[in-house]
Amino acid sequence: MYLIINTAISKSLEVILAKNSTDFNIREIEGEYKQAENLLPLIKESLNNQHNNLEDIKGIAVVTGPGGFTALRIGVVTANVLAYALNVPVIGLNLTEFSNNEELIAKTMTKLKSTKTGGVVMPEYGREPNIS
């Protein structure tokens, strides 16, 4: 099973668990600026609802941007840490690479098949951070 994290959407958070490009479950939570408090519980809830656990994850994809600075960092860091802890490959996908969740899942399956473990993903903010 593959875990896909999307924190690049400004007012929501998506977690997708996919066995393949036709067998998947999408969970979404609405709420701007709620990614930090909702991401890990949503992953856990999604796994539990599918009667799976973290060890069933064979690869992780994360949407790397463009999007909000903090939201992207939360998604990317979570994906990198889980991939490291589970010793599975991790990939990043830009919002411009897909137009719907079905395309996101299909691209995830294709890219993860040729990705080795040990890599990291970097966020793509779309502009320089505005630090004042």
Protein backbone atom coordinates (compact mmCIF):
# COMPACT_ATOMS: atom_id res chain seq x y z
CA MET A 1 0.00 0.00 0.00
CA TYR A 2 1.11 3.54 -0.74
CA LEU A 3 0.57 6.67 1.34
CA ILE A 4 0.00 9.97 -0.44
CA ILE A 5 0.02 13.24 1.52
CA ASN A 6 -1.32 16.51 0.14
CA THR A 7 -0.95 19.59 2.34
CA ALA A 8 -0.59 21.96 -0.64
CA ILE A 9 -4.32 22.65 -0.78
CA SER A 10 -4.81 25.92 1.07
CA LYS A 11 -7.95 25.11 3.05
CA SER A 12 -7.77 21.35 3.51
CA LEU A 13 -5.58 18.32 3.97
CA GLU A 14 -5.75 15.04 2.02
CA VAL A 15 -4.40 11.61 2.84
CA ILE A 16 -4.74 8.85 0.27
CA LEU A 17 -4.05 5.16 0.87
CA ALA A 18 -3.73 3.30 -2.42
CA LYS A 19 -3.19 -0.38 -3.09
CA ASN A 20 -3.12 0.36 -6.82
CA SER A 21 -4.48 2.95 -9.24
CA THR A 22 -8.05 1.66 -8.90
CA ASP A 23 -8.20 0.55 -5.25
CA PHE A 24 -7.72 3.59 -3.03
CA ASN A 25 -9.26 5.52 -0.15
CA ILE A 26 -9.19 9.32 0.11
CA ARG A 27 -9.64 11.14 3.42
CA GLU A 28 -9.93 14.91 3.52
CA ILE A 29 -10.22 17.36 6.40
CA GLU A 30 -11.31 20.93 5.85
CA GLY A 31 -9.66 23.68 7.84
CA GLU A 32 -7.11 26.31 6.99
CA TYR A 33 -3.91 26.20 9.06
CA LYS A 34 -4.85 22.87 10.66
CA GLN A 35 -2.34 20.61 8.90
CA ALA A 36 0.03 20.29 11.88
CA GLU A 37 -2.60 19.09 14.29
CA ASN A 38 -4.54 16.93 11.82
CA LEU A 39 -2.01 15.16 9.58
CA LEU A 40 -0.78 12.36 11.86
CA PRO A 41 -4.23 11.60 13.33
CA LEU A 42 -5.66 11.49 9.80
CA ILE A 43 -2.97 9.05 8.66
CA LYS A 44 -3.63 6.84 11.70
CA GLU A 45 -7.40 6.99 11.19
CA SER A 46 -7.04 6.16 7.49
CA LEU A 47 -4.84 3.16 8.24
CA ASN A 48 -7.19 1.91 10.97
CA ASN A 49 -10.26 2.26 8.74
CA GLN A 50 -8.55 0.09 6.11
CA HIS A 51 -7.39 -2.42 8.78
CA ASN A 52 -3.75 -1.62 8.06
CA ASN A 53 -0.80 -0.31 10.03
CA LEU A 54 2.33 1.69 9.25
CA GLU A 55 4.30 -1.43 8.35
CA ASP A 56 1.93 -2.04 5.41
CA ILE A 57 3.15 1.15 3.70
CA LYS A 58 5.52 0.31 0.82
CA GLY A 59 6.13 3.84 -0.45
CA ILE A 60 5.18 7.45 0.24
CA ALA A 61 4.36 10.36 -2.06
CA VAL A 62 3.88 13.96 -1.00
CA VAL A 63 2.69 16.99 -2.93
CA THR A 64 5.65 19.37 -2.74
CA GLY A 65 3.98 22.57 -3.89
CA PRO A 66 3.38 25.19 -4.71
CA GLY A 67 1.52 26.03 -1.54
CA GLY A 68 1.72 27.60 1.87
CA PHE A 69 5.14 27.61 3.50
CA THR A 70 4.22 25.94 6.79
CA ALA A 71 1.68 23.53 5.30
CA LEU A 72 4.19 22.24 2.75
CA ARG A 73 6.91 21.86 5.38
CA ILE A 74 4.55 19.80 7.55
CA GLY A 75 3.64 17.46 4.69
CA VAL A 76 7.18 17.08 3.37
CA VAL A 77 8.77 16.55 6.79
CA THR A 78 6.13 13.97 7.72
CA ALA A 79 6.68 12.10 4.45
CA ASN A 80 10.48 12.13 4.83
CA VAL A 81 10.40 10.99 8.47
CA LEU A 82 7.92 8.18 7.82
CA ALA A 83 9.89 7.01 4.77
CA TYR A 84 13.10 6.96 6.81
CA ALA A 85 11.50 5.17 9.77
CA LEU A 86 9.77 2.59 7.58
CA ASN A 87 12.73 2.25 5.18
CA VAL A 88 10.53 2.86 2.13
CA PRO A 89 10.98 5.16 -0.88
CA VAL A 90 9.57 8.69 -0.87
CA ILE A 91 8.78 10.89 -3.87
CA GLY A 92 7.55 14.42 -4.37
CA LEU A 93 4.99 15.56 -6.92
CA ASN A 94 4.26 19.14 -7.90
CA LEU A 95 0.63 20.29 -8.23
CA THR A 96 1.32 20.99 -11.92
CA GLU A 97 2.00 17.28 -12.56
CA PHE A 98 -1.62 16.17 -12.08
CA SER A 99 -5.13 17.58 -12.39
CA ASN A 100 -7.08 15.20 -10.14
CA ASN A 101 -6.53 12.54 -7.49
CA GLU A 102 -6.69 9.68 -10.00
CA GLU A 103 -3.75 11.19 -11.91
CA LEU A 104 -1.91 11.79 -8.64
CA ILE A 105 -2.33 8.14 -7.67
CA ALA A 106 -1.29 6.87 -11.13
CA LYS A 107 1.85 9.06 -11.15
CA THR A 108 2.66 7.92 -7.61
CA MET A 109 2.51 4.26 -8.64
CA THR A 110 4.69 4.84 -11.69
CA LYS A 111 7.35 6.92 -9.95
CA LEU A 112 7.60 4.81 -6.79
CA LYS A 113 8.30 1.64 -8.79
CA SER A 114 11.64 3.10 -9.92
CA THR A 115 12.57 4.94 -6.70
CA LYS A 116 15.02 3.55 -4.18
CA THR A 117 14.86 3.99 -0.44
CA GLY A 118 17.01 6.57 1.32
CA GLY A 119 16.00 9.65 -0.62
CA VAL A 120 14.47 12.85 0.69
CA VAL A 121 11.95 15.26 -0.77
CA MET A 122 12.21 19.06 -0.71
CA PRO A 123 9.26 21.46 -0.78
CA GLU A 124 8.66 23.79 -3.73
CA TYR A 125 7.19 26.97 -2.33
CA GLY A 126 6.64 28.82 -5.60
CA ARG A 127 8.24 31.99 -4.22
CA GLU A 128 10.78 33.05 -1.65
CA PRO A 129 9.61 32.92 1.98
CA ASN A 130 8.35 36.24 3.34
CA ILE A 131 10.10 36.49 6.69
CA SER A 132 9.60 39.74 8.54
